[in-house]
Amino acid sequence: MLIGDVARRSGVSARMLRHYESLGLVRPTGRNGAGYREYAGEDIRRIFHIESLRSLGLSLRDVGRALDDPGFRPSELVEDLIRRTRERIADETVLLRRLRRIDAAEPADWEDVLQSVALLQALGSKSAGTRQRAALSLDHEVPGRVEALVEAALSETDLNVAGALRWALARRGDGGPALLAEGLGSPVAEVRKRAVQSIVELPGEEATALLREALEHPDVVVRRYAALALGTRGVADAVPTLIGMVDADVNDVDAADALSTLSSDPASADRIATGLVDRLAHGTADASARRRLTQALAGIPGPAAARALADLSQDEDRGVALTAAYVLGIRDDR
């Protein structure tokens, strides 16, 4: 069979068949009287073997080794192909995400496209300094960048860069809360944590509403970050979570400060005092936890807290009693 016939039947161009021959991958069995190459049946089978191996992503060098080297191990080659394929998919995924971000920015001209590409490259840099500078220098008046910022904030591991990204998101305020809310649903705990940390930095009612919803989140870390933020925003729904944080010795000082802030409202003050007393009476038997809860009462004004401290000054736990008596003395001096 002549080279033109082989090309038509195999789908491999005559030029490529000649290239295979130059590399020694296929050697036609002979030539006819006119000097043209003639391929035998075995030659045709080898061509199909070459094409099959190439379809897996093998280089022509590896194809030659696979066909001619008896010691060549397929398992090693397949493992290498799997690795290279994963890397290629990862690279293509990054490219696809970048194109979507550029499309979401609705570029008006090529200058907008170039600005978007520059931002995405900077935010994806291996240098933490480059990523931080990109976040800090971003013009908050330029539309369509929030998606890239949210994506970067949810994946950032460097604390300084993460802070810069949250600051940049807080300056924008256009679409950030909704995108970060999706991060709260991530199966990855660190992503959920970064999402709520970013929402905490956002001003406005939309962010506050998300934090209210986060109080019911199944992830306790999310609930606690939300409660601390809501405490500073005057949202009394955070009280039970904050009391639980004092009890559990998790950011207990910040939680006690948030409770003190909320207690500026007399109705909330009584509710907080009652909650702390209930936790002291029924919620915990741990001595250190009872002392922390007693200390938290120090920042709560009003008669309910005063009565609770008076009772606690007679507590069987000497540490609790001394703490309560000391706090009462301070209150009396005031």
Protein backbone atom coordinates (compact mmCIF):
# COMPACT_ATOMS: atom_id res chain seq x y z
CA MET A 1 0.00 0.00 0.00
CA LEU A 2 1.43 3.35 -1.04
CA ILE A 3 1.77 6.30 1.33
CA GLY A 4 -1.20 8.18 -0.19
CA ASP A 5 -3.48 5.17 0.36
CA VAL A 6 -2.24 4.78 3.92
CA ALA A 7 -2.87 8.46 4.61
CA ARG A 8 -6.44 8.28 3.31
CA ARG A 9 -7.32 5.11 5.23
CA SER A 10 -5.55 5.93 8.52
CA GLY A 11 -6.30 9.64 8.72
CA VAL A 12 -2.61 10.36 9.25
CA SER A 13 -1.24 12.83 6.74
CA ALA A 14 1.50 11.82 4.34
CA ARG A 15 3.67 14.54 5.85
CA MET A 16 3.26 13.05 9.33
CA LEU A 17 3.97 9.54 8.00
CA ARG A 18 7.23 10.83 6.56
CA HIS A 19 8.00 12.44 9.92
CA TYR A 20 7.38 9.10 11.66
CA GLU A 21 9.74 7.47 9.22
CA SER A 22 12.45 10.10 9.83
CA LEU A 23 12.21 9.36 13.56
CA GLY A 24 12.37 5.61 12.98
CA LEU A 25 8.88 5.02 14.36
CA VAL A 26 7.57 3.44 11.14
CA ARG A 27 9.70 1.91 8.42
CA PRO A 28 7.81 0.91 5.27
CA THR A 29 8.46 -2.72 4.37
CA GLY A 30 9.76 -1.87 0.93
CA ARG A 31 9.44 0.15 -2.25
CA ASN A 32 7.81 -0.65 -5.53
CA GLY A 33 9.50 -0.65 -8.93
CA ALA A 34 9.05 3.12 -9.21
CA GLY A 35 10.77 3.66 -5.85
CA TYR A 36 7.63 4.59 -3.90
CA ARG A 37 7.21 3.48 -0.29
CA GLU A 38 5.05 0.42 0.25
CA TYR A 39 3.44 -0.29 3.63
CA ALA A 40 2.61 -3.82 4.68
CA GLY A 41 -0.17 -4.85 7.04
CA GLU A 42 2.22 -4.84 10.01
CA ASP A 43 3.27 -1.31 9.16
CA ILE A 44 -0.37 -0.18 9.18
CA ARG A 45 -0.97 -1.79 12.59
CA ARG A 46 2.08 0.01 13.99
CA ILE A 47 0.75 3.34 12.69
CA PHE A 48 -2.52 2.74 14.53
CA HIS A 49 -0.59 1.81 17.69
CA ILE A 50 1.36 5.08 17.43
CA GLU A 51 -1.81 7.13 17.04
CA SER A 52 -3.47 5.34 19.97
CA LEU A 53 -0.52 6.10 22.27
CA ARG A 54 -0.36 9.71 21.06
CA SER A 55 -4.03 10.13 21.92
CA LEU A 56 -3.09 9.48 25.56
CA GLY A 57 -0.70 12.40 25.49
CA LEU A 58 2.56 10.53 24.96
CA SER A 59 5.40 12.28 23.22
CA LEU A 60 6.77 10.64 20.06
CA ARG A 61 9.90 9.77 22.03
CA ASP A 62 7.82 7.91 24.63
CA VAL A 63 5.79 6.25 21.87
CA GLY A 64 9.00 4.85 20.39
CA ARG A 65 10.14 3.57 23.77
CA ALA A 66 6.76 1.98 24.47
CA LEU A 67 6.77 0.12 21.15
CA ASP A 68 10.43 -0.91 20.96
CA ASP A 69 11.89 -1.09 24.50
CA PRO A 70 11.05 -4.44 26.19
CA GLY A 71 12.01 -2.99 29.58
CA PHE A 72 9.75 0.01 29.30
CA ARG A 73 7.12 -0.14 32.09
CA PRO A 74 3.65 1.11 31.16
CA SER A 75 2.68 1.75 34.79
CA GLU A 76 5.36 4.42 35.25
CA LEU A 77 4.37 6.15 32.04
CA VAL A 78 0.67 6.11 32.90
CA GLU A 79 1.39 7.61 36.35
CA ASP A 80 3.40 10.38 34.71
CA LEU A 81 0.58 10.99 32.22
CA ILE A 82 -1.92 11.26 35.05
CA ARG A 83 0.28 13.83 36.81
CA ARG A 84 0.78 15.89 33.66
CA THR A 85 -2.91 15.72 32.82
CA ARG A 86 -3.86 16.98 36.28
CA GLU A 87 -1.42 19.84 35.94
CA ARG A 88 -2.84 20.72 32.54
CA ILE A 89 -6.41 20.61 33.87
CA ALA A 90 -5.40 22.85 36.78
CA ASP A 91 -3.81 25.34 34.39
CA GLU A 92 -6.87 25.27 32.13
CA THR A 93 -9.15 25.74 35.14
CA VAL A 94 -7.19 28.81 36.19
CA LEU A 95 -7.44 30.16 32.66
CA LEU A 96 -11.19 29.50 32.52
CA ARG A 97 -11.72 31.20 35.87
CA ARG A 98 -9.66 34.17 34.71
CA LEU A 99 -11.68 34.50 31.51
CA ARG A 100 -14.92 34.37 33.49
CA ARG A 101 -13.67 37.09 35.82
CA ILE A 102 -12.77 39.27 32.85
CA ASP A 103 -16.17 38.63 31.29
CA ALA A 104 -17.92 39.49 34.57
CA ALA A 105 -16.10 42.83 34.59
CA GLU A 106 -17.88 43.67 31.30
CA PRO A 107 -14.82 45.31 29.73
CA ALA A 108 -15.60 48.24 27.49
CA ASP A 109 -12.35 48.07 25.57
CA TRP A 110 -9.01 46.29 25.49
CA GLU A 111 -7.61 48.64 28.11
CA ASP A 112 -10.20 47.28 30.56
CA VAL A 113 -9.24 43.73 29.59
CA LEU A 114 -5.56 44.44 30.19
CA GLN A 115 -6.33 45.99 33.59
CA SER A 116 -8.34 42.93 34.58
CA VAL A 117 -5.60 40.58 33.43
CA ALA A 118 -3.00 42.57 35.38
CA LEU A 119 -5.12 42.44 38.53
CA LEU A 120 -5.77 38.71 38.24
CA GLN A 121 -2.11 37.99 37.64
CA ALA A 122 -1.11 40.09 40.65
CA LEU A 123 -3.69 38.48 42.94
CA GLY A 124 -2.52 35.05 41.76
CA SER A 125 1.18 35.83 42.24
CA LYS A 126 3.35 33.55 44.38
CA SER A 127 4.70 36.69 46.07
CA ALA A 128 2.67 37.74 49.12
CA GLY A 129 3.95 41.29 48.70
CA THR A 130 2.68 41.46 45.14
CA ARG A 131 -0.74 40.17 46.18
CA GLN A 132 -0.93 42.66 49.04
CA ARG A 133 0.06 45.61 46.85
CA ALA A 134 -2.58 44.59 44.30
CA ALA A 135 -5.29 44.65 46.97
CA LEU A 136 -4.17 47.93 48.50
CA SER A 137 -3.75 49.76 45.20
CA LEU A 138 -7.02 48.65 43.63
CA ASP A 139 -9.17 51.58 42.54
CA HIS A 140 -12.46 50.98 44.34
CA GLU A 141 -14.31 53.09 41.78
CA VAL A 142 -13.47 50.74 38.92
CA PRO A 143 -16.45 48.35 38.47
CA GLY A 144 -16.37 44.60 38.06
CA ARG A 145 -13.43 43.64 40.27
CA VAL A 146 -15.30 42.29 43.29
CA GLU A 147 -15.46 38.69 42.02
CA ALA A 148 -11.68 38.53 41.77
CA LEU A 149 -11.30 40.04 45.24
CA VAL A 150 -13.73 37.58 46.82
CA GLU A 151 -12.05 34.62 45.18
CA ALA A 152 -8.67 35.83 46.40
CA ALA A 153 -9.96 36.50 49.92
CA LEU A 154 -11.45 33.01 50.23
CA SER A 155 -8.18 31.34 49.21
CA GLU A 156 -5.58 33.62 50.82
CA THR A 157 -3.41 32.04 53.55
CA ASP A 158 -1.11 34.98 54.33
CA LEU A 159 -2.61 37.01 57.19
CA ASN A 160 -1.33 40.38 55.96
CA VAL A 161 -2.59 39.81 52.43
CA ALA A 162 -5.92 38.53 53.76
CA GLY A 163 -6.33 41.72 55.78
CA ALA A 164 -5.62 43.84 52.72
CA LEU A 165 -8.15 41.91 50.66
CA ARG A 166 -10.84 42.31 53.32
CA TRP A 167 -10.08 46.03 53.47
CA ALA A 168 -10.43 46.28 49.70
CA LEU A 169 -13.74 44.41 49.79
CA ALA A 170 -15.07 46.66 52.54
CA ARG A 171 -14.30 49.72 50.38
CA ARG A 172 -16.23 48.36 47.42
CA GLY A 173 -19.55 47.16 48.80
CA ASP A 174 -20.90 46.11 45.39
CA GLY A 175 -21.89 42.47 45.38
CA GLY A 176 -19.34 41.35 47.96
CA PRO A 177 -21.82 40.13 50.62
CA ALA A 178 -23.71 37.85 48.23
CA LEU A 179 -20.51 36.27 46.88
CA LEU A 180 -19.04 35.84 50.36
CA ALA A 181 -22.30 34.20 51.49
CA GLU A 182 -21.54 31.44 49.01
CA GLY A 183 -18.23 30.94 50.79
CA LEU A 184 -20.11 30.22 54.03
CA GLY A 185 -21.52 27.14 52.33
CA SER A 186 -18.12 25.76 51.36
CA PRO A 187 -17.29 22.21 52.50
CA VAL A 188 -13.83 23.49 53.49
CA ALA A 189 -13.65 24.86 57.05
CA GLU A 190 -10.90 27.37 56.26
CA VAL A 191 -12.89 28.83 53.39
CA ARG A 192 -15.94 29.26 55.65
CA LYS A 193 -13.75 30.99 58.23
CA ARG A 194 -12.29 33.37 55.65
CA ALA A 195 -15.78 34.11 54.34
CA VAL A 196 -17.18 35.13 57.72
CA GLN A 197 -14.03 37.11 58.54
CA SER A 198 -14.56 39.06 55.34
CA ILE A 199 -18.26 39.63 55.97
CA VAL A 200 -17.42 40.95 59.45
CA GLU A 201 -15.41 43.75 57.82
CA LEU A 202 -18.25 44.82 55.52
CA PRO A 203 -20.45 47.75 56.51
CA GLY A 204 -24.17 47.97 55.91
CA GLU A 205 -27.40 46.15 56.56
CA GLU A 206 -26.78 43.43 54.00
CA ALA A 207 -23.68 42.26 55.85
CA THR A 208 -25.49 42.50 59.20
CA ALA A 209 -28.31 40.34 57.85
CA LEU A 210 -25.80 37.72 56.72
CA LEU A 211 -24.18 37.72 60.15
CA ARG A 212 -27.60 37.23 61.78
CA GLU A 213 -28.12 34.18 59.57
CA ALA A 214 -24.62 32.98 60.43
CA LEU A 215 -25.64 32.70 64.11
CA GLU A 216 -27.51 29.54 63.05
CA HIS A 217 -24.65 28.17 60.96
CA PRO A 218 -23.64 24.54 61.73
CA ASP A 219 -19.98 25.60 61.94
CA VAL A 220 -19.31 26.88 65.47
CA VAL A 221 -16.37 28.97 64.25
CA VAL A 222 -18.67 30.85 61.87
CA ARG A 223 -21.23 31.38 64.65
CA ARG A 224 -18.62 32.82 67.00
CA TYR A 225 -17.15 35.27 64.49
CA ALA A 226 -20.67 36.40 63.63
CA ALA A 227 -21.60 36.84 67.29
CA LEU A 228 -18.58 39.02 68.05
CA ALA A 229 -19.32 41.26 65.08
CA LEU A 230 -23.02 41.50 65.88
CA GLY A 231 -22.23 42.38 69.47
CA THR A 232 -20.36 45.48 68.30
CA ARG A 233 -23.27 46.29 65.97
CA GLY A 234 -25.77 46.19 68.83
CA VAL A 235 -27.61 43.03 67.76
CA ALA A 236 -28.88 41.30 70.91
CA ASP A 237 -29.47 37.99 69.12
CA ALA A 238 -25.74 37.34 69.58
CA VAL A 239 -26.02 37.14 73.40
CA PRO A 240 -26.38 33.31 73.80
CA THR A 241 -23.40 32.63 71.55
CA LEU A 242 -21.29 35.25 73.34
CA ILE A 243 -22.11 33.78 76.75
CA GLY A 244 -21.17 30.37 75.41
CA MET A 245 -17.81 31.76 74.26
CA VAL A 246 -17.08 33.12 77.75
CA ASP A 247 -17.99 29.74 79.22
CA ALA A 248 -15.86 27.83 76.70
CA ASP A 249 -12.83 30.15 77.08
CA VAL A 250 -12.89 31.03 73.36
CA ASN A 251 -12.10 34.72 72.78
CA ASP A 252 -13.72 35.18 76.18
CA VAL A 253 -12.37 38.71 76.72
CA ASP A 254 -13.69 39.91 73.36
CA ALA A 255 -17.00 38.14 74.01
CA ALA A 256 -17.30 39.80 77.44
CA ASP A 257 -16.56 43.20 75.86
CA ALA A 258 -19.27 42.58 73.27
CA LEU A 259 -21.74 41.68 76.04
CA SER A 260 -20.80 44.87 77.86
CA THR A 261 -21.46 46.89 74.69
CA LEU A 262 -24.86 45.27 74.25
CA SER A 263 -25.75 45.93 77.90
CA SER A 264 -25.96 49.69 77.23
CA ASP A 265 -29.62 48.96 76.53
CA PRO A 266 -31.37 48.30 79.90
CA ALA A 267 -33.55 45.50 78.53
CA SER A 268 -30.51 43.78 77.04
CA ALA A 269 -28.58 44.27 80.28
CA ASP A 270 -31.18 42.29 82.24
CA ARG A 271 -31.25 39.60 79.56
CA ILE A 272 -27.48 39.27 79.60
CA ALA A 273 -27.28 39.16 83.38
CA THR A 274 -29.98 36.49 83.48
CA GLY A 275 -28.17 34.45 80.84
CA LEU A 276 -24.86 34.60 82.71
CA VAL A 277 -26.53 33.62 85.98
CA ASP A 278 -28.34 30.71 84.34
CA ARG A 279 -25.08 29.48 82.86
CA LEU A 280 -23.43 29.76 86.29
CA ALA A 281 -26.23 27.86 87.95
CA HIS A 282 -26.91 25.17 85.40
CA GLY A 283 -24.52 25.37 82.49
CA THR A 284 -21.11 24.51 83.90
CA ALA A 285 -19.39 23.02 86.93
CA ASP A 286 -15.89 24.05 85.83
CA ALA A 287 -14.36 26.44 88.38
CA SER A 288 -12.41 28.52 85.85
CA ALA A 289 -15.49 28.86 83.64
CA ARG A 290 -17.56 30.06 86.61
CA ARG A 291 -14.91 32.70 87.38
CA ARG A 292 -14.94 33.91 83.75
CA LEU A 293 -18.73 34.17 83.80
CA THR A 294 -18.56 36.10 87.07
CA GLN A 295 -15.98 38.47 85.59
CA ALA A 296 -18.26 39.01 82.59
CA LEU A 297 -20.97 40.23 84.98
CA ALA A 298 -18.64 43.05 85.96
CA GLY A 299 -19.31 44.83 82.67
CA ILE A 300 -23.10 44.52 82.90
CA PRO A 301 -24.93 47.44 84.55
CA GLY A 302 -28.29 47.29 86.26
CA PRO A 303 -29.93 45.69 89.30
CA ALA A 304 -30.07 42.17 87.88
CA ALA A 305 -26.29 41.97 87.55
CA ALA A 306 -25.83 43.59 90.99
CA ARG A 307 -28.10 41.03 92.66
CA ALA A 308 -26.29 38.20 90.89
CA LEU A 309 -22.90 39.46 92.05
CA ALA A 310 -24.15 39.85 95.62
CA ASP A 311 -25.27 36.21 95.60
CA LEU A 312 -22.02 35.08 94.02
CA SER A 313 -19.98 36.87 96.70
CA GLN A 314 -21.25 34.11 99.00
CA ASP A 315 -20.44 31.31 96.55
CA GLU A 316 -18.84 28.10 97.79
CA ASP A 317 -16.06 28.55 95.25
CA ARG A 318 -13.70 30.99 96.97
CA GLY A 319 -12.35 32.25 93.63
CA VAL A 320 -15.85 33.06 92.41
CA ALA A 321 -16.79 34.68 95.74
CA LEU A 322 -13.68 36.87 95.80
CA THR A 323 -14.17 37.90 92.18
CA ALA A 324 -17.80 38.84 92.79
CA ALA A 325 -16.94 40.77 95.98
CA TYR A 326 -14.19 42.67 94.19
CA VAL A 327 -16.49 43.59 91.33
CA LEU A 328 -19.19 44.71 93.76
CA GLY A 329 -16.69 46.96 95.49
CA ILE A 330 -15.78 48.61 92.21
CA ARG A 331 -19.44 49.12 91.36
CA ASP A 332 -20.09 50.69 94.76
CA ASP A 333 -17.17 53.07 94.31
CA ARG A 334 -18.61 54.17 90.99
